[in-house]
C-alpha atoms as a PDB file:
ATOM      1  CA  MET A   1     -93.031 -13.786  22.492  1.00  0.00           C
ATOM      2  CA  THR A   2     -95.076 -11.798  20.073  1.00  0.00           C
ATOM      3  CA  ILE A   3     -92.832  -9.231  17.822  1.00  0.00           C
ATOM      4  CA  THR A   4     -94.612  -6.334  16.034  1.00  0.00           C
ATOM      5  CA  ILE A   5     -93.171  -3.847  13.759  1.00  0.00           C
ATOM      6  CA  ASP A   6     -94.971  -0.354  14.008  1.00  0.00           C
ATOM      7  CA  LYS A   7     -96.894   0.025  10.662  1.00  0.00           C
ATOM      8  CA  ASN A   8     -96.547   4.099  11.207  1.00  0.00           C
ATOM      9  CA  SER A   9     -92.901   3.984  11.232  1.00  0.00           C
ATOM     10  CA  GLY A  10     -90.496   3.950   8.271  1.00  0.00           C
ATOM     11  CA  TYR A  11     -89.754   6.577   5.776  1.00  0.00           C
ATOM     12  CA  CYS A  12     -91.617   9.931   5.561  1.00  0.00           C
ATOM     13  CA  PHE A  13     -92.387  11.060   1.989  1.00  0.00           C
ATOM     14  CA  GLY A  14     -89.544  13.320   1.587  1.00  0.00           C
ATOM     15  CA  VAL A  15     -86.831  10.561   2.183  1.00  0.00           C
ATOM     16  CA  GLU A  16     -88.746   8.001   0.305  1.00  0.00           C
ATOM     17  CA  PHE A  17     -89.207  10.450  -2.673  1.00  0.00           C
ATOM     18  CA  ALA A  18     -85.381  11.262  -2.632  1.00  0.00           C
ATOM     19  CA  ILE A  19     -84.294   7.529  -2.501  1.00  0.00           C
ATOM     20  CA  GLN A  20     -86.729   6.699  -5.365  1.00  0.00           C
ATOM     21  CA  MET A  21     -85.029   9.710  -7.266  1.00  0.00           C
ATOM     22  CA  ALA A  22     -81.641   8.311  -6.618  1.00  0.00           C
ATOM     23  CA  GLU A  23     -82.474   4.850  -7.518  1.00  0.00           C
ATOM     24  CA  ASP A  24     -84.105   5.920 -10.675  1.00  0.00           C
ATOM     25  CA  GLU A  25     -81.189   7.917 -11.885  1.00  0.00           C
ATOM     26  CA  MET A  26     -78.351   4.996 -11.006  1.00  0.00           C
ATOM     27  CA  GLU A  27     -80.442   2.853 -13.498  1.00  0.00           C
ATOM     28  CA  ASN A  28     -78.631   4.868 -16.190  1.00  0.00           C
ATOM     29  CA  VAL A  29     -75.405   5.800 -14.774  1.00  0.00           C
ATOM     30  CA  PRO A  30     -72.614   3.736 -13.108  1.00  0.00           C
ATOM     31  CA  GLU A  31     -72.311   6.457 -10.300  1.00  0.00           C
ATOM     32  CA  LEU A  32     -74.064   9.151  -8.817  1.00  0.00           C
ATOM     33  CA  TYR A  33     -72.961  12.091  -6.399  1.00  0.00           C
ATOM     34  CA  CYS A  34     -74.918  12.880  -3.393  1.00  0.00           C
ATOM     35  CA  LEU A  35     -74.242  15.821  -1.278  1.00  0.00           C
ATOM     36  CA  GLY A  36     -74.392  14.737   2.158  1.00  0.00           C
ATOM     37  CA  ASP A  37     -75.938  11.281   3.376  1.00  0.00           C
ATOM     38  CA  ILE A  38     -79.013  10.936   1.687  1.00  0.00           C
ATOM     39  CA  VAL A  39     -80.629   9.770   4.673  1.00  0.00           C
ATOM     40  CA  HIS A  40     -79.298   9.435   8.361  1.00  0.00           C
ATOM     41  CA  ASN A  41     -79.090   5.750   8.449  1.00  0.00           C
ATOM     42  CA  SER A  42     -75.703   4.123   7.882  1.00  0.00           C
ATOM     43  CA  MET A  43     -77.301   0.688   6.727  1.00  0.00           C
ATOM     44  CA  GLU A  44     -79.269   2.382   3.928  1.00  0.00           C
ATOM     45  CA  VAL A  45     -76.231   4.548   2.793  1.00  0.00           C
ATOM     46  CA  GLN A  46     -74.377   1.250   2.444  1.00  0.00           C
ATOM     47  CA  ARG A  47     -77.043  -0.225   0.559  1.00  0.00           C
ATOM     48  CA  LEU A  48     -77.113   2.518  -1.912  1.00  0.00           C
ATOM     49  CA  TYR A  49     -73.249   2.958  -2.094  1.00  0.00           C
ATOM     50  CA  LYS A  50     -73.381  -0.739  -3.499  1.00  0.00           C
ATOM     51  CA  LYS A  51     -75.820   0.465  -6.307  1.00  0.00           C
ATOM     52  CA  GLY A  52     -73.687   3.450  -6.957  1.00  0.00           C
ATOM     53  CA  LEU A  53     -74.240   6.410  -4.808  1.00  0.00           C
ATOM     54  CA  ARG A  54     -71.256   8.252  -3.916  1.00  0.00           C
ATOM     55  CA  ILE A  55     -71.694  10.737  -0.835  1.00  0.00           C
ATOM     56  CA  ILE A  56     -69.535  13.777  -1.077  1.00  0.00           C
ATOM     57  CA  ASP A  57     -69.089  16.884   1.255  1.00  0.00           C
ATOM     58  CA  ARG A  58     -69.431  20.629   0.308  1.00  0.00           C
ATOM     59  CA  ASP A  59     -65.456  20.943  -0.184  1.00  0.00           C
ATOM     60  CA  GLN A  60     -65.581  17.934  -2.681  1.00  0.00           C
ATOM     61  CA  LEU A  61     -68.410  19.608  -4.554  1.00  0.00           C
ATOM     62  CA  LYS A  62     -66.372  22.742  -5.286  1.00  0.00           C
ATOM     63  CA  GLU A  63     -64.068  20.570  -7.256  1.00  0.00           C
ATOM     64  CA  LEU A  64     -66.630  19.166  -9.474  1.00  0.00           C
ATOM     65  CA  HIS A  65     -67.438  20.284 -12.767  1.00  0.00           C
ATOM     66  CA  ASP A  66     -69.826  18.987 -15.637  1.00  0.00           C
ATOM     67  CA  CYS A  67     -71.598  16.133 -13.662  1.00  0.00           C
ATOM     68  CA  LYS A  68     -75.054  15.329 -11.833  1.00  0.00           C
ATOM     69  CA  VAL A  69     -75.220  15.617  -8.085  1.00  0.00           C
ATOM     70  CA  LEU A  70     -78.344  14.731  -6.085  1.00  0.00           C
ATOM     71  CA  ILE A  71     -79.848  17.160  -3.485  1.00  0.00           C
ATOM     72  CA  ARG A  72     -81.169  15.262  -0.728  1.00  0.00           C
ATOM     73  CA  ALA A  73     -84.646  15.874   1.091  1.00  0.00           C
ATOM     74  CA  HIS A  74     -82.831  17.873   3.605  1.00  0.00           C
ATOM     75  CA  GLY A  75     -82.598  20.938   1.096  1.00  0.00           C
ATOM     76  CA  GLU A  76     -79.844  23.243   0.305  1.00  0.00           C
ATOM     77  CA  PRO A  77     -78.785  26.879   0.831  1.00  0.00           C
ATOM     78  CA  PRO A  78     -78.607  29.317  -2.220  1.00  0.00           C
ATOM     79  CA  GLU A  79     -74.997  29.128  -2.413  1.00  0.00           C
ATOM     80  CA  THR A  80     -75.256  25.432  -3.417  1.00  0.00           C
ATOM     81  CA  TYR A  81     -77.416  26.249  -6.424  1.00  0.00           C
ATOM     82  CA  GLN A  82     -74.973  29.286  -7.325  1.00  0.00           C
ATOM     83  CA  LEU A  83     -71.962  26.746  -7.324  1.00  0.00           C
ATOM     84  CA  ALA A  84     -73.727  24.450  -9.339  1.00  0.00           C
ATOM     85  CA  LEU A  85     -74.420  26.868 -11.979  1.00  0.00           C
ATOM     86  CA  LYS A  86     -70.621  28.110 -12.098  1.00  0.00           C
ATOM     87  CA  ASN A  87     -69.475  24.623 -12.318  1.00  0.00           C
ATOM     88  CA  ASN A  88     -71.788  23.403 -14.718  1.00  0.00           C
ATOM     89  CA  ILE A  89     -73.291  20.947 -12.455  1.00  0.00           C
ATOM     90  CA  GLU A  90     -76.824  19.445 -13.072  1.00  0.00           C
ATOM     91  CA  LEU A  91     -78.563  19.344  -9.797  1.00  0.00           C
ATOM     92  CA  ILE A  92     -81.171  16.467  -9.254  1.00  0.00           C
ATOM     93  CA  ASP A  93     -83.113  18.358  -6.840  1.00  0.00           C
ATOM     94  CA  ALA A  94     -84.837  15.608  -4.177  1.00  0.00           C
ATOM     95  CA  SER A  95     -85.440  18.322  -1.375  1.00  0.00           C
ATOM     96  CA  CYS A  96     -88.592  17.596   0.578  1.00  0.00           C
ATOM     97  CA  PRO A  97     -91.602  20.002  -0.689  1.00  0.00           C
ATOM     98  CA  VAL A  98     -92.208  20.617   3.279  1.00  0.00           C
ATOM     99  CA  VAL A  99     -88.584  21.887   3.682  1.00  0.00           C
ATOM    100  CA  LEU A 100     -88.617  23.893   0.593  1.00  0.00           C
ATOM    101  CA  LYS A 101     -91.962  25.575   1.773  1.00  0.00           C
ATOM    102  CA  LEU A 102     -90.215  26.290   5.021  1.00  0.00           C
ATOM    103  CA  GLN A 103     -87.085  27.613   3.235  1.00  0.00           C
ATOM    104  CA  ASN A 104     -89.448  30.196   1.302  1.00  0.00           C
ATOM    105  CA  ARG A 105     -91.277  31.239   4.449  1.00  0.00           C
ATOM    106  CA  VAL A 106     -87.956  32.020   6.283  1.00  0.00           C
ATOM    107  CA  LYS A 107     -86.523  34.003   3.194  1.00  0.00           C
ATOM    108  CA  HIS A 108     -89.827  36.230   3.373  1.00  0.00           C
ATOM    109  CA  ALA A 109     -89.662  36.541   7.210  1.00  0.00           C
ATOM    110  CA  TYR A 110     -85.997  37.382   7.040  1.00  0.00           C
ATOM    111  CA  ASP A 111     -86.906  40.176   4.635  1.00  0.00           C
ATOM    112  CA  ASP A 112     -89.566  41.490   6.827  1.00  0.00           C
ATOM    113  CA  MET A 113     -87.314  41.221   9.921  1.00  0.00           C
ATOM    114  CA  THR A 114     -84.505  43.038   8.515  1.00  0.00           C
ATOM    115  CA  ALA A 115     -86.771  45.989   7.797  1.00  0.00           C
ATOM    116  CA  GLN A 116     -87.898  46.088  11.391  1.00  0.00           C
ATOM    117  CA  ASN A 117     -84.560  45.423  12.908  1.00  0.00           C
ATOM    118  CA  GLY A 118     -85.669  42.030  14.126  1.00  0.00           C
ATOM    119  CA  GLN A 119     -84.321  38.539  14.239  1.00  0.00           C
ATOM    120  CA  ILE A 120     -85.023  35.277  12.700  1.00  0.00           C
ATOM    121  CA  VAL A 121     -84.599  32.484  15.436  1.00  0.00           C
ATOM    122  CA  ILE A 122     -84.666  28.689  14.419  1.00  0.00           C
ATOM    123  CA  TYR A 123     -85.189  25.797  16.796  1.00  0.00           C
ATOM    124  CA  GLY A 124     -83.024  23.132  15.487  1.00  0.00           C
ATOM    125  CA  GLN A 125     -79.834  21.463  15.563  1.00  0.00           C
ATOM    126  CA  GLN A 126     -76.841  23.553  14.924  1.00  0.00           C
ATOM    127  CA  GLY A 127     -75.037  22.076  12.017  1.00  0.00           C
ATOM    128  CA  HIS A 128     -77.838  19.880  10.692  1.00  0.00           C
ATOM    129  CA  ALA A 129     -78.330  19.660   6.832  1.00  0.00           C
ATOM    130  CA  GLU A 130     -81.738  21.177   7.026  1.00  0.00           C
ATOM    131  CA  VAL A 131     -80.847  23.786   9.464  1.00  0.00           C
ATOM    132  CA  ILE A 132     -77.910  24.809   7.275  1.00  0.00           C
ATOM    133  CA  GLY A 133     -80.385  25.276   4.191  1.00  0.00           C
ATOM    134  CA  ILE A 134     -82.797  27.123   6.202  1.00  0.00           C
ATOM    135  CA  ALA A 135     -80.189  29.403   7.825  1.00  0.00           C
ATOM    136  CA  GLY A 136     -78.939  30.051   4.337  1.00  0.00           C
ATOM    137  CA  GLN A 137     -82.248  31.721   3.248  1.00  0.00           C
ATOM    138  CA  THR A 138     -81.200  34.675   5.845  1.00  0.00           C
ATOM    139  CA  HIS A 139     -77.494  34.753   4.770  1.00  0.00           C
ATOM    140  CA  ASP A 140     -76.609  33.061   7.928  1.00  0.00           C
ATOM    141  CA  GLN A 141     -78.024  35.771  10.091  1.00  0.00           C
ATOM    142  CA  ALA A 142     -80.463  33.404  11.774  1.00  0.00           C
ATOM    143  CA  ILE A 143     -80.092  32.500  15.452  1.00  0.00           C
ATOM    144  CA  ILE A 144     -79.882  28.790  16.019  1.00  0.00           C
ATOM    145  CA  VAL A 145     -81.432  27.742  19.268  1.00  0.00           C
ATOM    146  CA  THR A 146     -81.720  24.155  20.881  1.00  0.00           C
ATOM    147  CA  THR A 147     -81.613  24.466  24.568  1.00  0.00           C
ATOM    148  CA  GLU A 148     -82.570  27.236  27.025  1.00  0.00           C
ATOM    149  CA  ALA A 149     -79.073  28.238  27.278  1.00  0.00           C
ATOM    150  CA  ASP A 150     -79.016  29.230  23.759  1.00  0.00           C
ATOM    151  CA  LEU A 151     -81.754  31.920  24.300  1.00  0.00           C
ATOM    152  CA  ASP A 152     -78.979  34.271  25.502  1.00  0.00           C
ATOM    153  CA  LYS A 153     -78.050  34.968  21.705  1.00  0.00           C
ATOM    154  CA  ILE A 154     -81.168  36.606  21.493  1.00  0.00           C
ATOM    155  CA  ASP A 155     -81.696  40.231  21.757  1.00  0.00           C
ATOM    156  CA  PHE A 156     -85.279  40.446  23.395  1.00  0.00           C
ATOM    157  CA  THR A 157     -85.621  44.330  23.032  1.00  0.00           C
ATOM    158  CA  ARG A 158     -85.756  43.652  19.275  1.00  0.00           C
ATOM    159  CA  PRO A 159     -88.508  41.803  17.112  1.00  0.00           C
ATOM    160  CA  VAL A 160     -88.442  38.112  16.979  1.00  0.00           C
ATOM    161  CA  THR A 161     -89.813  35.503  14.596  1.00  0.00           C
ATOM    162  CA  LEU A 162     -89.312  31.906  15.529  1.00  0.00           C
ATOM    163  CA  PHE A 163     -89.494  28.906  13.320  1.00  0.00           C
ATOM    164  CA  SER A 164     -88.439  25.039  13.718  1.00  0.00           C
ATOM    165  CA  GLN A 165     -86.604  22.558  12.048  1.00  0.00           C
ATOM    166  CA  THR A 166     -89.208  20.447  10.460  1.00  0.00           C
ATOM    167  CA  THR A 167     -88.019  17.081  12.352  1.00  0.00           C
ATOM    168  CA  LYS A 168     -87.816  18.497  15.744  1.00  0.00           C
ATOM    169  CA  SER A 169     -90.047  17.587  18.890  1.00  0.00           C
ATOM    170  CA  THR A 170     -93.499  19.329  19.000  1.00  0.00           C
ATOM    171  CA  LYS A 171     -93.064  19.445  22.742  1.00  0.00           C
ATOM    172  CA  GLY A 172     -89.403  20.766  22.502  1.00  0.00           C
ATOM    173  CA  PHE A 173     -90.818  23.577  20.376  1.00  0.00           C
ATOM    174  CA  TYR A 174     -93.485  24.685  22.450  1.00  0.00           C
ATOM    175  CA  LYS A 175     -91.170  24.568  25.373  1.00  0.00           C
ATOM    176  CA  ILE A 176     -88.698  27.134  23.607  1.00  0.00           C
ATOM    177  CA  LYS A 177     -91.609  29.061  22.693  1.00  0.00           C
ATOM    178  CA  ALA A 178     -92.987  29.554  26.024  1.00  0.00           C
ATOM    179  CA  GLN A 179     -89.273  30.359  27.342  1.00  0.00           C
ATOM    180  CA  ILE A 180     -89.044  33.028  24.615  1.00  0.00           C
ATOM    181  CA  GLU A 181     -92.260  34.556  25.606  1.00  0.00           C
ATOM    182  CA  GLU A 182     -91.155  34.714  29.236  1.00  0.00           C
ATOM    183  CA  ARG A 183     -87.908  36.539  28.369  1.00  0.00           C
ATOM    184  CA  ILE A 184     -89.747  38.860  26.300  1.00  0.00           C
ATOM    185  CA  ALA A 185     -92.065  39.637  29.027  1.00  0.00           C
ATOM    186  CA  GLN A 186     -89.439  40.054  31.371  1.00  0.00           C
ATOM    187  CA  THR A 187     -87.568  42.502  29.006  1.00  0.00           C
ATOM    188  CA  LYS A 188     -90.602  44.501  27.662  1.00  0.00           C
ATOM    189  CA  GLY A 189     -93.165  43.862  30.305  1.00  0.00           C
ATOM    190  CA  THR A 190     -95.557  42.686  27.405  1.00  0.00           C
ATOM    191  CA  LEU A 191     -95.667  40.069  24.733  1.00  0.00           C
ATOM    192  CA  THR A 192     -95.108  42.433  21.560  1.00  0.00           C
ATOM    193  CA  ASP A 193     -93.220  41.800  18.504  1.00  0.00           C
ATOM    194  CA  PHE A 194     -93.268  38.010  18.525  1.00  0.00           C
ATOM    195  CA  ASP A 195     -94.325  35.635  15.826  1.00  0.00           C
ATOM    196  CA  ALA A 196     -94.018  31.982  16.417  1.00  0.00           C
ATOM    197  CA  ASN A 197     -94.322  29.542  13.875  1.00  0.00           C
ATOM    198  CA  ASP A 198     -94.726  25.539  14.174  1.00  0.00           C
ATOM    199  CA  SER A 199     -93.181  24.471  11.076  1.00  0.00           C
ATOM    200  CA  ILE A 200     -92.547  20.924  12.167  1.00  0.00           C
ATOM    201  CA  CYS A 201     -93.616  18.361   9.616  1.00  0.00           C
ATOM    202  CA  ARG A 202     -97.112  16.858  10.377  1.00  0.00           C
ATOM    203  CA  GLN A 203     -95.471  13.402   9.269  1.00  0.00           C
ATOM    204  CA  VAL A 204     -93.176  13.949  12.164  1.00  0.00           C
ATOM    205  CA  SER A 205     -95.401  15.361  14.747  1.00  0.00           C
ATOM    206  CA  ASN A 206     -98.168  12.957  14.164  1.00  0.00           C
ATOM    207  CA  ARG A 207     -95.934  10.041  14.922  1.00  0.00           C
ATOM    208  CA  GLU A 208     -95.433  11.267  18.479  1.00  0.00           C
ATOM    209  CA  PRO A 209     -98.952  10.427  19.677  1.00  0.00           C
ATOM    210  CA  GLN A 210     -98.859   7.342  17.507  1.00  0.00           C
ATOM    211  CA  LEU A 211     -95.539   6.182  19.301  1.00  0.00           C
ATOM    212  CA  THR A 212     -96.925   6.978  22.665  1.00  0.00           C
ATOM    213  CA  ARG A 213     -99.811   4.375  22.137  1.00  0.00           C
ATOM    214  CA  PHE A 214     -97.461   1.767  20.380  1.00  0.00           C
ATOM    215  CA  ALA A 215     -94.812   2.038  23.209  1.00  0.00           C
ATOM    216  CA  ALA A 216     -97.378   1.392  25.944  1.00  0.00           C
ATOM    217  CA  GLU A 217     -98.841  -1.646  24.154  1.00  0.00           C
ATOM    218  CA  HIS A 218     -95.684  -3.578  24.432  1.00  0.00           C
ATOM    219  CA  ASP A 219     -93.208  -5.128  27.183  1.00  0.00           C
ATOM    220  CA  VAL A 220     -90.067  -4.051  25.397  1.00  0.00           C
ATOM    221  CA  ILE A 221     -89.594  -1.539  22.711  1.00  0.00           C
ATOM    222  CA  ILE A 222     -86.775  -1.780  20.233  1.00  0.00           C
ATOM    223  CA  PHE A 223     -86.151   1.727  18.322  1.00  0.00           C
ATOM    224  CA  VAL A 224     -84.214   1.362  15.144  1.00  0.00           C
ATOM    225  CA  SER A 225     -82.373   4.625  14.091  1.00  0.00           C
ATOM    226  CA  GLY A 226     -79.254   5.933  12.544  1.00  0.00           C
ATOM    227  CA  LYS A 227     -77.260   7.734  15.495  1.00  0.00           C
ATOM    228  CA  LYS A 228     -77.141  10.769  13.307  1.00  0.00           C
ATOM    229  CA  SER A 229     -80.843  11.073  12.930  1.00  0.00           C
ATOM    230  CA  SER A 230     -82.322  14.214  15.079  1.00  0.00           C
ATOM    231  CA  ASN A 231     -85.867  12.911  14.406  1.00  0.00           C
ATOM    232  CA  GLY A 232     -84.579   9.386  15.662  1.00  0.00           C
ATOM    233  CA  LYS A 233     -83.349  10.709  18.798  1.00  0.00           C
ATOM    234  CA  ALA A 234     -86.875  12.866  19.461  1.00  0.00           C
ATOM    235  CA  LEU A 235     -88.942   9.757  18.859  1.00  0.00           C
ATOM    236  CA  TYR A 236     -86.782   7.279  20.957  1.00  0.00           C
ATOM    237  CA  SER A 237     -87.273  10.007  23.818  1.00  0.00           C
ATOM    238  CA  VAL A 238     -91.047   9.650  23.321  1.00  0.00           C
ATOM    239  CA  CYS A 239     -90.728   5.847  23.514  1.00  0.00           C
ATOM    240  CA  GLN A 240     -88.507   6.324  26.818  1.00  0.00           C
ATOM    241  CA  GLN A 241     -91.070   8.494  28.584  1.00  0.00           C
ATOM    242  CA  VAL A 242     -93.790   5.919  28.079  1.00  0.00           C
ATOM    243  CA  ASN A 243     -91.763   2.477  28.381  1.00  0.00           C
ATOM    244  CA  PRO A 244     -88.571   2.574  30.347  1.00  0.00           C
ATOM    245  CA  ARG A 245     -87.753  -0.744  28.500  1.00  0.00           C
ATOM    246  CA  SER A 246     -87.056   0.994  25.237  1.00  0.00           C
ATOM    247  CA  TYR A 247     -83.861   0.502  23.787  1.00  0.00           C
ATOM    248  CA  PHE A 248     -81.994   2.177  20.805  1.00  0.00           C
ATOM    249  CA  VAL A 249     -80.310   0.352  18.104  1.00  0.00           C
ATOM    250  CA  GLU A 250     -78.905   1.110  14.760  1.00  0.00           C
ATOM    251  CA  ASN A 251     -79.183  -2.608  13.656  1.00  0.00           C
ATOM    252  CA  GLU A 252     -79.496  -6.220  14.816  1.00  0.00           C
ATOM    253  CA  GLU A 253     -76.072  -6.538  15.812  1.00  0.00           C
ATOM    254  CA  GLU A 254     -76.718  -4.355  19.052  1.00  0.00           C
ATOM    255  CA  LEU A 255     -79.321  -6.415  20.086  1.00  0.00           C
ATOM    256  CA  GLU A 256     -78.952  -7.880  23.827  1.00  0.00           C
ATOM    257  CA  LEU A 257     -80.474 -10.882  24.873  1.00  0.00           C
ATOM    258  CA  ALA A 258     -81.069  -9.757  28.661  1.00  0.00           C
ATOM    259  CA  TRP A 259     -83.526  -7.010  27.109  1.00  0.00           C
ATOM    260  CA  PHE A 260     -86.281  -9.784  26.392  1.00  0.00           C
ATOM    261  CA  GLN A 261     -86.217 -11.624  29.796  1.00  0.00           C
ATOM    262  CA  ASP A 262     -89.640 -11.995  31.033  1.00  0.00           C
ATOM    263  CA  CYS A 263     -90.885 -10.464  27.900  1.00  0.00           C
ATOM    264  CA  ARG A 264     -94.172 -11.608  26.062  1.00  0.00           C
ATOM    265  CA  SER A 265     -94.217  -8.727  23.623  1.00  0.00           C
ATOM    266  CA  VAL A 266     -91.803  -6.693  21.651  1.00  0.00           C
ATOM    267  CA  GLY A 267     -92.602  -3.711  19.617  1.00  0.00           C
ATOM    268  CA  ILE A 268     -90.201  -2.716  16.745  1.00  0.00           C
ATOM    269  CA  CYS A 269     -90.421   1.122  15.468  1.00  0.00           C
ATOM    270  CA  GLY A 270     -88.185   3.720  14.089  1.00  0.00           C
ATOM    271  CA  ALA A 271     -87.438   7.350  12.697  1.00  0.00           C
ATOM    272  CA  THR A 272     -88.787   8.861   9.519  1.00  0.00           C
ATOM    273  CA  SER A 273     -85.149   7.704   8.231  1.00  0.00           C
ATOM    274  CA  THR A 274     -85.376   4.208   9.106  1.00  0.00           C
ATOM    275  CA  PRO A 275     -86.071   1.784   6.314  1.00  0.00           C
ATOM    276  CA  MET A 276     -88.823  -1.005   6.604  1.00  0.00           C
ATOM    277  CA  TRP A 277     -86.496  -3.679   5.585  1.00  0.00           C
ATOM    278  CA  LEU A 278     -84.015  -2.674   8.296  1.00  0.00           C
ATOM    279  CA  MET A 279     -86.668  -2.900  11.172  1.00  0.00           C
ATOM    280  CA  GLN A 280     -87.763  -6.281   9.587  1.00  0.00           C
ATOM    281  CA  GLN A 281     -84.156  -7.567   9.587  1.00  0.00           C
ATOM    282  CA  VAL A 282     -84.174  -6.522  13.539  1.00  0.00           C
ATOM    283  CA  ALA A 283     -87.539  -8.406  13.876  1.00  0.00           C
ATOM    284  CA  ASP A 284     -85.973 -11.616  12.256  1.00  0.00           C
ATOM    285  CA  SER A 285     -82.998 -11.362  14.669  1.00  0.00           C
ATOM    286  CA  ILE A 286     -85.086 -11.059  17.703  1.00  0.00           C
ATOM    287  CA  GLN A 287     -87.219 -14.155  16.584  1.00  0.00           C
ATOM    288  CA  ALA A 288     -84.054 -16.093  16.106  1.00  0.00           C
ATOM    289  CA  LEU A 289     -83.154 -15.523  19.732  1.00  0.00           C
ATOM    290  CA  GLU A 290     -85.926 -17.595  20.886  1.00  0.00           C
ATOM    291  CA  GLN A 291     -84.766 -20.483  18.452  1.00  0.00           C
ATOM    292  CA  PRO A 292     -83.114 -23.497  20.433  1.00  0.00           C
ATOM    293  CA  VAL A 293     -79.346 -23.853  19.376  1.00  0.00           C
ATOM    294  CA  LEU A 294     -78.755 -27.461  18.199  1.00  0.00           C
ATOM    295  CA  LEU A 295     -75.357 -28.789  19.376  1.00  0.00           C
ATOM    296  CA  PRO A 296     -73.580 -31.184  17.502  1.00  0.00           C
ATOM    297  CA  VAL A 297     -73.704 -34.737  18.618  1.00  0.00           C
ATOM    298  CA  GLU A 298     -70.475 -35.966  19.960  1.00  0.00           C
END
């Protein structure tokens, strides 16, 4: 049985940049606060905890003064920066440049839409850290949609500007876009006052066709990702559509021997939040499944 790790899987630039900033900072301090999980992968969070990274939530942030706090790649709403100024907190800003650019675009679009009595719609996961930061650019007036049922929140008689969370599925975005267009046409009889912006990160969207090819090349696919990862769920579904023998695991402890029966080739891949060391750990565990167990001589 051959085992291959997808060379295109692993951290995207934004996550890699944030983790490097955290590790660099922790060389000089015994502990560093991070607002929210630095990455949606519990194994990596545990590794960094041992180095001194301490995860806090927004309520805990309000109680902090005169310290340093890391802003992860997902970005933050304006209120976080205002609070930091008030409490004399030094922010180590590791926001992904792609996310920061999107926040700026949404802010300007919101100003334009306000003047036109229009609406900002974000295709994303409600409560996701990146979505909170994006919606914050609209004073939380943006309409968050994930499924077709969420479209009922939109007033289709008014102008609509659509954006996407950077880590969502490209196919999902264009499906929602088409559904909005259909609703507007039904309401107005024509497609007017609708501006759709594909703001999905190309490091994410490019992985979909790459994973499609990779999943088709192997008998079994082991997809490694944290269960909180929105990107992980989207990319795993790509694998499943191509290869029904695709399995989602958070770490090597979730592997099942039955998955590898009559299997000649295993492909291991993961999300943009999956560290390469973890995929290698999973590969080593699968390799060990093939090793004979030596029983003690009686």
